[in-house]
Amino acid sequence: MTPPDLNDGPLAVIEEEARAMAQCFGIGNPAEAAASLIDRILMRLGGAHIYVPKKSTQKREQIHYEIQSRFNGGNLFELARQYGLTPRHVRRIIAGRKLG
């Protein structure tokens, strides 16, 4: 059995980014720091299926949270205007409320 090729895929991207960050912060051996991070990720998350949402998904979720938390029953049209959405869309967001 051959070991997985870390030169392709998510781990390679994480290692590359970790190396770049280590260089930015002046860490003495960026490659070693990046390799250490990969080892820690594999140790803690190895075998797990991980979903990393797109940034646009995170932004949309943040906007939905803001709308849901700011809605007071009488500001539907104001929220629609502020966020560039239709009142109908704002109603759907509010109907999906999951604030706890």
PDB file of N, CA and C in Angstrom:
ATOM      1  N   MET A   1       0.845  -1.175   0.000  1.00  0.00           N
ATOM      2  CA  MET A   1       0.000   0.000   0.000  1.00  0.00           C
ATOM      3  C   MET A   1       0.889   1.237   0.000  1.00  0.00           C
ATOM      4  N   THR A   2       0.588   2.178  -0.880  1.00  0.00           N
ATOM      5  CA  THR A   2       1.395   3.392  -0.965  1.00  0.00           C
ATOM      6  C   THR A   2       0.767   4.485  -0.123  1.00  0.00           C
ATOM      7  N   PRO A   3       1.604   5.335   0.473  1.00  0.00           N
ATOM      8  CA  PRO A   3       1.058   6.432   1.285  1.00  0.00           C
ATOM      9  C   PRO A   3       0.326   7.433   0.407  1.00  0.00           C
ATOM     10  N   PRO A   4      -0.634   8.139   0.968  1.00  0.00           N
ATOM     11  CA  PRO A   4      -1.373   9.129   0.173  1.00  0.00           C
ATOM     12  C   PRO A   4      -0.455  10.240  -0.305  1.00  0.00           C
ATOM     13  N   ASP A   5      -0.746  10.732  -1.490  1.00  0.00           N
ATOM     14  CA  ASP A   5       0.035  11.820  -2.073  1.00  0.00           C
ATOM     15  C   ASP A   5      -0.462  13.141  -1.503  1.00  0.00           C
ATOM     16  N   LEU A   6       0.371  13.778  -0.689  1.00  0.00           N
ATOM     17  CA  LEU A   6      -0.017  15.049  -0.074  1.00  0.00           C
ATOM     18  C   LEU A   6       0.227  16.237  -0.994  1.00  0.00           C
ATOM     19  N   ASN A   7       0.706  15.981  -2.218  1.00  0.00           N
ATOM     20  CA  ASN A   7       0.972  17.078  -3.147  1.00  0.00           C
ATOM     21  C   ASN A   7      -0.274  17.495  -3.906  1.00  0.00           C
ATOM     22  N   ASP A   8      -1.387  16.878  -3.593  1.00  0.00           N
ATOM     23  CA  ASP A   8      -2.626  17.193  -4.281  1.00  0.00           C
ATOM     24  C   ASP A   8      -3.760  17.156  -3.257  1.00  0.00           C
ATOM     25  N   GLY A   9      -4.711  18.015  -3.408  1.00  0.00           N
ATOM     26  CA  GLY A   9      -5.872  17.973  -2.536  1.00  0.00           C
ATOM     27  C   GLY A   9      -5.819  18.962  -1.389  1.00  0.00           C
ATOM     28  N   PRO A  10      -6.795  18.845  -0.494  1.00  0.00           N
ATOM     29  CA  PRO A  10      -6.949  19.809   0.598  1.00  0.00           C
ATOM     30  C   PRO A  10      -5.748  19.910   1.526  1.00  0.00           C
ATOM     31  N   LEU A  11      -5.111  18.786   1.842  1.00  0.00           N
ATOM     32  CA  LEU A  11      -3.963  18.854   2.751  1.00  0.00           C
ATOM     33  C   LEU A  11      -2.815  19.645   2.142  1.00  0.00           C
ATOM     34  N   ALA A  12      -2.632  19.508   0.842  1.00  0.00           N
ATOM     35  CA  ALA A  12      -1.579  20.275   0.173  1.00  0.00           C
ATOM     36  C   ALA A  12      -1.883  21.770   0.239  1.00  0.00           C
ATOM     37  N   VAL A  13      -3.141  22.121   0.064  1.00  0.00           N
ATOM     38  CA  VAL A  13      -3.538  23.529   0.137  1.00  0.00           C
ATOM     39  C   VAL A  13      -3.304  24.063   1.547  1.00  0.00           C
ATOM     40  N   ILE A  14      -3.711  23.281   2.556  1.00  0.00           N
ATOM     41  CA  ILE A  14      -3.525  23.710   3.947  1.00  0.00           C
ATOM     42  C   ILE A  14      -2.045  23.866   4.258  1.00  0.00           C
ATOM     43  N   GLU A  15      -1.239  22.909   3.814  1.00  0.00           N
ATOM     44  CA  GLU A  15       0.199  22.983   4.080  1.00  0.00           C
ATOM     45  C   GLU A  15       0.818  24.208   3.402  1.00  0.00           C
ATOM     46  N   GLU A  16       0.423  24.455   2.169  1.00  0.00           N
ATOM     47  CA  GLU A  16       0.930  25.614   1.427  1.00  0.00           C
ATOM     48  C   GLU A  16       0.562  26.920   2.136  1.00  0.00           C
ATOM     49  N   GLU A  17      -0.685  27.028   2.567  1.00  0.00           N
ATOM     50  CA  GLU A  17      -1.141  28.238   3.254  1.00  0.00           C
ATOM     51  C   GLU A  17      -0.464  28.395   4.613  1.00  0.00           C
ATOM     52  N   ALA A  18      -0.266  27.283   5.319  1.00  0.00           N
ATOM     53  CA  ALA A  18       0.408  27.337   6.621  1.00  0.00           C
ATOM     54  C   ALA A  18       1.849  27.801   6.449  1.00  0.00           C
ATOM     55  N   ARG A  19       2.504  27.315   5.415  1.00  0.00           N
ATOM     56  CA  ARG A  19       3.882  27.733   5.143  1.00  0.00           C
ATOM     57  C   ARG A  19       3.932  29.231   4.850  1.00  0.00           C
ATOM     58  N   ALA A  20       2.988  29.708   4.038  1.00  0.00           N
ATOM     59  CA  ALA A  20       2.945  31.135   3.700  1.00  0.00           C
ATOM     60  C   ALA A  20       2.693  31.984   4.947  1.00  0.00           C
ATOM     61  N   MET A  21       1.779  31.543   5.811  1.00  0.00           N
ATOM     62  CA  MET A  21       1.498  32.291   7.042  1.00  0.00           C
ATOM     63  C   MET A  21       2.708  32.296   7.970  1.00  0.00           C
ATOM     64  N   ALA A  22       3.383  31.159   8.065  1.00  0.00           N
ATOM     65  CA  ALA A  22       4.569  31.078   8.921  1.00  0.00           C
ATOM     66  C   ALA A  22       5.636  32.054   8.433  1.00  0.00           C
ATOM     67  N   GLN A  23       5.797  32.151   7.120  1.00  0.00           N
ATOM     68  CA  GLN A  23       6.764  33.104   6.560  1.00  0.00           C
ATOM     69  C   GLN A  23       6.350  34.532   6.881  1.00  0.00           C
ATOM     70  N   CYS A  24       5.065  34.832   6.749  1.00  0.00           N
ATOM     71  CA  CYS A  24       4.565  36.184   7.038  1.00  0.00           C
ATOM     72  C   CYS A  24       4.843  36.594   8.478  1.00  0.00           C
ATOM     73  N   PHE A  25       4.766  35.641   9.393  1.00  0.00           N
ATOM     74  CA  PHE A  25       4.978  35.940  10.802  1.00  0.00           C
ATOM     75  C   PHE A  25       6.417  35.734  11.245  1.00  0.00           C
ATOM     76  N   GLY A  26       7.297  35.463  10.289  1.00  0.00           N
ATOM     77  CA  GLY A  26       8.718  35.363  10.595  1.00  0.00           C
ATOM     78  C   GLY A  26       9.120  34.134  11.387  1.00  0.00           C
ATOM     79  N   ILE A  27       8.379  33.061  11.256  1.00  0.00           N
ATOM     80  CA  ILE A  27       8.725  31.816  11.950  1.00  0.00           C
ATOM     81  C   ILE A  27       9.956  31.223  11.281  1.00  0.00           C
ATOM     82  N   GLY A  28      10.902  30.788  12.109  1.00  0.00           N
ATOM     83  CA  GLY A  28      12.206  30.330  11.632  1.00  0.00           C
ATOM     84  C   GLY A  28      12.183  29.273  10.546  1.00  0.00           C
ATOM     85  N   ASN A  29      11.398  28.241  10.696  1.00  0.00           N
ATOM     86  CA  ASN A  29      11.361  27.163   9.717  1.00  0.00           C
ATOM     87  C   ASN A  29       9.913  26.949   9.271  1.00  0.00           C
ATOM     88  N   PRO A  30       9.462  27.702   8.252  1.00  0.00           N
ATOM     89  CA  PRO A  30       8.059  27.634   7.832  1.00  0.00           C
ATOM     90  C   PRO A  30       7.630  26.245   7.369  1.00  0.00           C
ATOM     91  N   ALA A  31       8.531  25.526   6.694  1.00  0.00           N
ATOM     92  CA  ALA A  31       8.169  24.195   6.199  1.00  0.00           C
ATOM     93  C   ALA A  31       7.910  23.244   7.367  1.00  0.00           C
ATOM     94  N   GLU A  32       8.726  23.342   8.397  1.00  0.00           N
ATOM     95  CA  GLU A  32       8.549  22.487   9.572  1.00  0.00           C
ATOM     96  C   GLU A  32       7.251  22.838  10.307  1.00  0.00           C
ATOM     97  N   ALA A  33       6.957  24.121  10.414  1.00  0.00           N
ATOM     98  CA  ALA A  33       5.716  24.556  11.068  1.00  0.00           C
ATOM     99  C   ALA A  33       4.503  24.046  10.294  1.00  0.00           C
ATOM    100  N   ALA A  34       4.565  24.136   8.963  1.00  0.00           N
ATOM    101  CA  ALA A  34       3.458  23.667   8.132  1.00  0.00           C
ATOM    102  C   ALA A  34       3.284  22.158   8.271  1.00  0.00           C
ATOM    103  N   ALA A  35       4.389  21.423   8.264  1.00  0.00           N
ATOM    104  CA  ALA A  35       4.320  19.966   8.412  1.00  0.00           C
ATOM    105  C   ALA A  35       3.743  19.591   9.776  1.00  0.00           C
ATOM    106  N   SER A  36       4.105  20.338  10.797  1.00  0.00           N
ATOM    107  CA  SER A  36       3.581  20.088  12.136  1.00  0.00           C
ATOM    108  C   SER A  36       2.071  20.317  12.177  1.00  0.00           C
ATOM    109  N   LEU A  37       1.614  21.366  11.503  1.00  0.00           N
ATOM    110  CA  LEU A  37       0.176  21.631  11.445  1.00  0.00           C
ATOM    111  C   LEU A  37      -0.550  20.480  10.755  1.00  0.00           C
ATOM    112  N   ILE A  38      -0.014  19.997   9.643  1.00  0.00           N
ATOM    113  CA  ILE A  38      -0.630  18.872   8.930  1.00  0.00           C
ATOM    114  C   ILE A  38      -0.704  17.652   9.842  1.00  0.00           C
ATOM    115  N   ASP A  39       0.376  17.369  10.562  1.00  0.00           N
ATOM    116  CA  ASP A  39       0.378  16.231  11.492  1.00  0.00           C
ATOM    117  C   ASP A  39      -0.726  16.376  12.537  1.00  0.00           C
ATOM    118  N   ARG A  40      -0.881  17.584  13.074  1.00  0.00           N
ATOM    119  CA  ARG A  40      -1.910  17.819  14.099  1.00  0.00           C
ATOM    120  C   ARG A  40      -3.316  17.669  13.519  1.00  0.00           C
ATOM    121  N   ILE A  41      -3.516  18.164  12.302  1.00  0.00           N
ATOM    122  CA  ILE A  41      -4.826  18.026  11.654  1.00  0.00           C
ATOM    123  C   ILE A  41      -5.139  16.553  11.433  1.00  0.00           C
ATOM    124  N   LEU A  42      -4.159  15.799  10.932  1.00  0.00           N
ATOM    125  CA  LEU A  42      -4.374  14.373  10.695  1.00  0.00           C
ATOM    126  C   LEU A  42      -4.649  13.636  12.001  1.00  0.00           C
ATOM    127  N   MET A  43      -3.939  14.009  13.060  1.00  0.00           N
ATOM    128  CA  MET A  43      -4.123  13.359  14.347  1.00  0.00           C
ATOM    129  C   MET A  43      -5.538  13.629  14.892  1.00  0.00           C
ATOM    130  N   ARG A  44      -5.996  14.863  14.764  1.00  0.00           N
ATOM    131  CA  ARG A  44      -7.280  15.232  15.363  1.00  0.00           C
ATOM    132  C   ARG A  44      -8.473  14.950  14.460  1.00  0.00           C
ATOM    133  N   LEU A  45      -8.283  15.051  13.136  1.00  0.00           N
ATOM    134  CA  LEU A  45      -9.418  14.935  12.224  1.00  0.00           C
ATOM    135  C   LEU A  45      -9.282  13.803  11.217  1.00  0.00           C
ATOM    136  N   GLY A  46      -8.208  13.037  11.304  1.00  0.00           N
ATOM    137  CA  GLY A  46      -7.973  11.969  10.335  1.00  0.00           C
ATOM    138  C   GLY A  46      -9.166  11.033  10.222  1.00  0.00           C
ATOM    139  N   GLY A  47      -9.602  10.776   9.011  1.00  0.00           N
ATOM    140  CA  GLY A  47     -10.736   9.894   8.767  1.00  0.00           C
ATOM    141  C   GLY A  47     -12.084  10.590   8.770  1.00  0.00           C
ATOM    142  N   ALA A  48     -12.133  11.816   9.235  1.00  0.00           N
ATOM    143  CA  ALA A  48     -13.405  12.549   9.282  1.00  0.00           C
ATOM    144  C   ALA A  48     -13.693  13.191   7.929  1.00  0.00           C
ATOM    145  N   HIS A  49     -14.951  13.282   7.611  1.00  0.00           N
ATOM    146  CA  HIS A  49     -15.370  14.004   6.410  1.00  0.00           C
ATOM    147  C   HIS A  49     -15.657  15.438   6.836  1.00  0.00           C
ATOM    148  N   ILE A  50     -14.976  16.375   6.212  1.00  0.00           N
ATOM    149  CA  ILE A  50     -15.092  17.775   6.607  1.00  0.00           C
ATOM    150  C   ILE A  50     -15.607  18.578   5.423  1.00  0.00           C
ATOM    151  N   TYR A  51     -16.611  19.392   5.675  1.00  0.00           N
ATOM    152  CA  TYR A  51     -17.156  20.278   4.654  1.00  0.00           C
ATOM    153  C   TYR A  51     -16.703  21.697   4.967  1.00  0.00           C
ATOM    154  N   VAL A  52     -16.089  22.336   3.998  1.00  0.00           N
ATOM    155  CA  VAL A  52     -15.659  23.727   4.159  1.00  0.00           C
ATOM    156  C   VAL A  52     -16.518  24.564   3.215  1.00  0.00           C
ATOM    157  N   PRO A  53     -17.436  25.351   3.777  1.00  0.00           N
ATOM    158  CA  PRO A  53     -18.322  26.132   2.914  1.00  0.00           C
ATOM    159  C   PRO A  53     -17.577  27.248   2.197  1.00  0.00           C
ATOM    160  N   LYS A  54     -18.134  27.648   1.065  1.00  0.00           N
ATOM    161  CA  LYS A  54     -17.573  28.792   0.351  1.00  0.00           C
ATOM    162  C   LYS A  54     -17.771  30.040   1.196  1.00  0.00           C
ATOM    163  N   LYS A  55     -16.938  31.018   0.951  1.00  0.00           N
ATOM    164  CA  LYS A  55     -17.051  32.270   1.701  1.00  0.00           C
ATOM    165  C   LYS A  55     -18.428  32.913   1.479  1.00  0.00           C
ATOM    166  N   SER A  56     -18.962  32.779   0.261  1.00  0.00           N
ATOM    167  CA  SER A  56     -20.274  33.371  -0.019  1.00  0.00           C
ATOM    168  C   SER A  56     -21.359  32.722   0.838  1.00  0.00           C
ATOM    169  N   THR A  57     -21.212  31.434   1.142  1.00  0.00           N
ATOM    170  CA  THR A  57     -22.171  30.749   2.002  1.00  0.00           C
ATOM    171  C   THR A  57     -22.106  31.314   3.411  1.00  0.00           C
ATOM    172  N   GLN A  58     -20.897  31.535   3.902  1.00  0.00           N
ATOM    173  CA  GLN A  58     -20.731  32.105   5.237  1.00  0.00           C
ATOM    174  C   GLN A  58     -21.327  33.498   5.298  1.00  0.00           C
ATOM    175  N   LYS A  59     -21.088  34.287   4.249  1.00  0.00           N
ATOM    176  CA  LYS A  59     -21.610  35.651   4.222  1.00  0.00           C
ATOM    177  C   LYS A  59     -23.139  35.627   4.212  1.00  0.00           C
ATOM    178  N   ARG A  60     -23.710  34.726   3.408  1.00  0.00           N
ATOM    179  CA  ARG A  60     -25.169  34.622   3.346  1.00  0.00           C
ATOM    180  C   ARG A  60     -25.730  34.223   4.709  1.00  0.00           C
ATOM    181  N   GLU A  61     -25.085  33.267   5.368  1.00  0.00           N
ATOM    182  CA  GLU A  61     -25.549  32.840   6.685  1.00  0.00           C
ATOM    183  C   GLU A  61     -25.459  33.983   7.694  1.00  0.00           C
ATOM    184  N   GLN A  62     -24.416  34.802   7.589  1.00  0.00           N
ATOM    185  CA  GLN A  62     -24.267  35.945   8.486  1.00  0.00           C
ATOM    186  C   GLN A  62     -25.381  36.962   8.249  1.00  0.00           C
ATOM    187  N   ILE A  63     -25.691  37.223   6.985  1.00  0.00           N
ATOM    188  CA  ILE A  63     -26.766  38.167   6.654  1.00  0.00           C
ATOM    189  C   ILE A  63     -28.104  37.640   7.165  1.00  0.00           C
ATOM    190  N   HIS A  64     -28.356  36.344   6.984  1.00  0.00           N
ATOM    191  CA  HIS A  64     -29.610  35.761   7.476  1.00  0.00           C
ATOM    192  C   HIS A  64     -29.704  35.907   8.989  1.00  0.00           C
ATOM    193  N   TYR A  65     -28.614  35.656   9.677  1.00  0.00           N
ATOM    194  CA  TYR A  65     -28.608  35.791  11.137  1.00  0.00           C
ATOM    195  C   TYR A  65     -28.905  37.237  11.540  1.00  0.00           C
ATOM    196  N   GLU A  66     -28.260  38.185  10.852  1.00  0.00           N
ATOM    197  CA  GLU A  66     -28.483  39.603  11.167  1.00  0.00           C
ATOM    198  C   GLU A  66     -29.941  39.988  10.955  1.00  0.00           C
ATOM    199  N   ILE A  67     -30.509  39.544   9.835  1.00  0.00           N
ATOM    200  CA  ILE A  67     -31.907  39.869   9.547  1.00  0.00           C
ATOM    201  C   ILE A  67     -32.815  39.264  10.613  1.00  0.00           C
ATOM    202  N   GLN A  68     -32.582  38.000  10.942  1.00  0.00           N
ATOM    203  CA  GLN A  68     -33.418  37.328  11.940  1.00  0.00           C
ATOM    204  C   GLN A  68     -33.312  37.991  13.310  1.00  0.00           C
ATOM    205  N   SER A  69     -32.120  38.404  13.672  1.00  0.00           N
ATOM    206  CA  SER A  69     -31.963  39.004  15.000  1.00  0.00           C
ATOM    207  C   SER A  69     -32.449  40.451  15.042  1.00  0.00           C
ATOM    208  N   ARG A  70     -32.456  41.150  13.910  1.00  0.00           N
ATOM    209  CA  ARG A  70     -32.891  42.551  13.894  1.00  0.00           C
ATOM    210  C   ARG A  70     -34.387  42.705  13.644  1.00  0.00           C
ATOM    211  N   PHE A  71     -35.030  41.642  13.152  1.00  0.00           N
ATOM    212  CA  PHE A  71     -36.456  41.738  12.844  1.00  0.00           C
ATOM    213  C   PHE A  71     -37.262  41.936  14.127  1.00  0.00           C
ATOM    214  N   ASN A  72     -38.116  42.975  14.119  1.00  0.00           N
ATOM    215  CA  ASN A  72     -38.906  43.273  15.323  1.00  0.00           C
ATOM    216  C   ASN A  72     -40.408  43.213  15.067  1.00  0.00           C
ATOM    217  N   GLY A  73     -40.790  42.700  13.913  1.00  0.00           N
ATOM    218  CA  GLY A  73     -42.212  42.591  13.592  1.00  0.00           C
ATOM    219  C   GLY A  73     -42.734  43.735  12.750  1.00  0.00           C
ATOM    220  N   GLY A  74     -42.041  44.865  12.751  1.00  0.00           N
ATOM    221  CA  GLY A  74     -42.523  46.015  11.996  1.00  0.00           C
ATOM    222  C   GLY A  74     -41.504  46.605  11.040  1.00  0.00           C
ATOM    223  N   ASN A  75     -40.367  45.960  10.885  1.00  0.00           N
ATOM    224  CA  ASN A  75     -39.317  46.548  10.045  1.00  0.00           C
ATOM    225  C   ASN A  75     -38.959  45.688   8.832  1.00  0.00           C
ATOM    226  N   LEU A  76     -39.910  44.929   8.333  1.00  0.00           N
ATOM    227  CA  LEU A  76     -39.685  44.058   7.182  1.00  0.00           C
ATOM    228  C   LEU A  76     -39.169  44.838   5.977  1.00  0.00           C
ATOM    229  N   PHE A  77     -39.846  45.910   5.622  1.00  0.00           N
ATOM    230  CA  PHE A  77     -39.469  46.669   4.431  1.00  0.00           C
ATOM    231  C   PHE A  77     -38.131  47.381   4.620  1.00  0.00           C
ATOM    232  N   GLU A  78     -37.887  47.839   5.823  1.00  0.00           N
ATOM    233  CA  GLU A  78     -36.606  48.491   6.123  1.00  0.00           C
ATOM    234  C   GLU A  78     -35.450  47.498   5.957  1.00  0.00           C
ATOM    235  N   LEU A  79     -35.615  46.287   6.486  1.00  0.00           N
ATOM    236  CA  LEU A  79     -34.569  45.265   6.353  1.00  0.00           C
ATOM    237  C   LEU A  79     -34.364  44.884   4.892  1.00  0.00           C
ATOM    238  N   ALA A  80     -35.462  44.758   4.153  1.00  0.00           N
ATOM    239  CA  ALA A  80     -35.358  44.426   2.730  1.00  0.00           C
ATOM    240  C   ALA A  80     -34.546  45.490   2.003  1.00  0.00           C
ATOM    241  N   ARG A  81     -34.815  46.735   2.293  1.00  0.00           N
ATOM    242  CA  ARG A  81     -34.103  47.845   1.654  1.00  0.00           C
ATOM    243  C   ARG A  81     -32.627  47.843   2.059  1.00  0.00           C
ATOM    244  N   GLN A  82     -32.356  47.663   3.348  1.00  0.00           N
ATOM    245  CA  GLN A  82     -30.973  47.700   3.839  1.00  0.00           C
ATOM    246  C   GLN A  82     -30.111  46.592   3.246  1.00  0.00           C
ATOM    247  N   TYR A  83     -30.692  45.418   3.048  1.00  0.00           N
ATOM    248  CA  TYR A  83     -29.910  44.280   2.567  1.00  0.00           C
ATOM    249  C   TYR A  83     -30.076  44.033   1.069  1.00  0.00           C
ATOM    250  N   GLY A  84     -30.839  44.887   0.397  1.00  0.00           N
ATOM    251  CA  GLY A  84     -31.005  44.749  -1.049  1.00  0.00           C
ATOM    252  C   GLY A  84     -31.785  43.503  -1.440  1.00  0.00           C
ATOM    253  N   LEU A  85     -32.766  43.139  -0.628  1.00  0.00           N
ATOM    254  CA  LEU A  85     -33.577  41.954  -0.879  1.00  0.00           C
ATOM    255  C   LEU A  85     -35.026  42.360  -1.050  1.00  0.00           C
ATOM    256  N   THR A  86     -35.817  41.459  -1.598  1.00  0.00           N
ATOM    257  CA  THR A  86     -37.250  41.728  -1.685  1.00  0.00           C
ATOM    258  C   THR A  86     -37.883  41.432  -0.323  1.00  0.00           C
ATOM    259  N   PRO A  87     -38.995  42.086  -0.018  1.00  0.00           N
ATOM    260  CA  PRO A  87     -39.692  41.777   1.234  1.00  0.00           C
ATOM    261  C   PRO A  87     -40.064  40.289   1.334  1.00  0.00           C
ATOM    262  N   ARG A  88     -40.403  39.693   0.206  1.00  0.00           N
ATOM    263  CA  ARG A  88     -40.748  38.266   0.193  1.00  0.00           C
ATOM    264  C   ARG A  88     -39.551  37.421   0.638  1.00  0.00           C
ATOM    265  N   HIS A  89     -38.372  37.762   0.143  1.00  0.00           N
ATOM    266  CA  HIS A  89     -37.168  37.021   0.523  1.00  0.00           C
ATOM    267  C   HIS A  89     -36.886  37.197   2.018  1.00  0.00           C
ATOM    268  N   VAL A  90     -37.051  38.400   2.520  1.00  0.00           N
ATOM    269  CA  VAL A  90     -36.840  38.650   3.950  1.00  0.00           C
ATOM    270  C   VAL A  90     -37.836  37.825   4.769  1.00  0.00           C
ATOM    271  N   ARG A  91     -39.082  37.729   4.309  1.00  0.00           N
ATOM    272  CA  ARG A  91     -40.079  36.904   5.013  1.00  0.00           C
ATOM    273  C   ARG A  91     -39.622  35.447   5.085  1.00  0.00           C
ATOM    274  N   ARG A  92     -39.082  34.937   3.971  1.00  0.00           N
ATOM    275  CA  ARG A  92     -38.592  33.555   3.956  1.00  0.00           C
ATOM    276  C   ARG A  92     -37.447  33.362   4.940  1.00  0.00           C
ATOM    277  N   ILE A  93     -36.555  34.341   4.994  1.00  0.00           N
ATOM    278  CA  ILE A  93     -35.423  34.261   5.929  1.00  0.00           C
ATOM    279  C   ILE A  93     -35.938  34.237   7.363  1.00  0.00           C
ATOM    280  N   ILE A  94     -36.893  35.103   7.663  1.00  0.00           N
ATOM    281  CA  ILE A  94     -37.451  35.177   9.016  1.00  0.00           C
ATOM    282  C   ILE A  94     -38.211  33.891   9.353  1.00  0.00           C
ATOM    283  N   ALA A  95     -38.901  33.334   8.373  1.00  0.00           N
ATOM    284  CA  ALA A  95     -39.650  32.088   8.598  1.00  0.00           C
ATOM    285  C   ALA A  95     -38.708  30.927   8.919  1.00  0.00           C
ATOM    286  N   GLY A  96     -37.482  31.003   8.446  1.00  0.00           N
ATOM    287  CA  GLY A  96     -36.507  29.946   8.713  1.00  0.00           C
ATOM    288  C   GLY A  96     -35.707  30.193   9.966  1.00  0.00           C
ATOM    289  N   ARG A  97     -36.212  31.025  10.848  1.00  0.00           N
ATOM    290  CA  ARG A  97     -35.512  31.456  12.065  1.00  0.00           C
ATOM    291  C   ARG A  97     -35.040  30.265  12.885  1.00  0.00           C
ATOM    292  N   LYS A  98     -33.739  30.308  13.257  1.00  0.00           N
ATOM    293  CA  LYS A  98     -33.147  29.257  14.094  1.00  0.00           C
ATOM    294  C   LYS A  98     -32.217  29.901  15.111  1.00  0.00           C
ATOM    295  N   LEU A  99     -32.661  30.917  15.793  1.00  0.00           N
ATOM    296  CA  LEU A  99     -31.780  31.645  16.714  1.00  0.00           C
ATOM    297  C   LEU A  99     -31.689  31.016  18.097  1.00  0.00           C
ATOM    298  N   GLY A 100     -32.583  30.173  18.446  1.00  0.00           N
ATOM    299  CA  GLY A 100     -32.488  29.522  19.754  1.00  0.00           C
ATOM    300  C   GLY A 100     -33.184  30.190  20.799  1.00  0.00           C
TER     301      GLY A 100
END
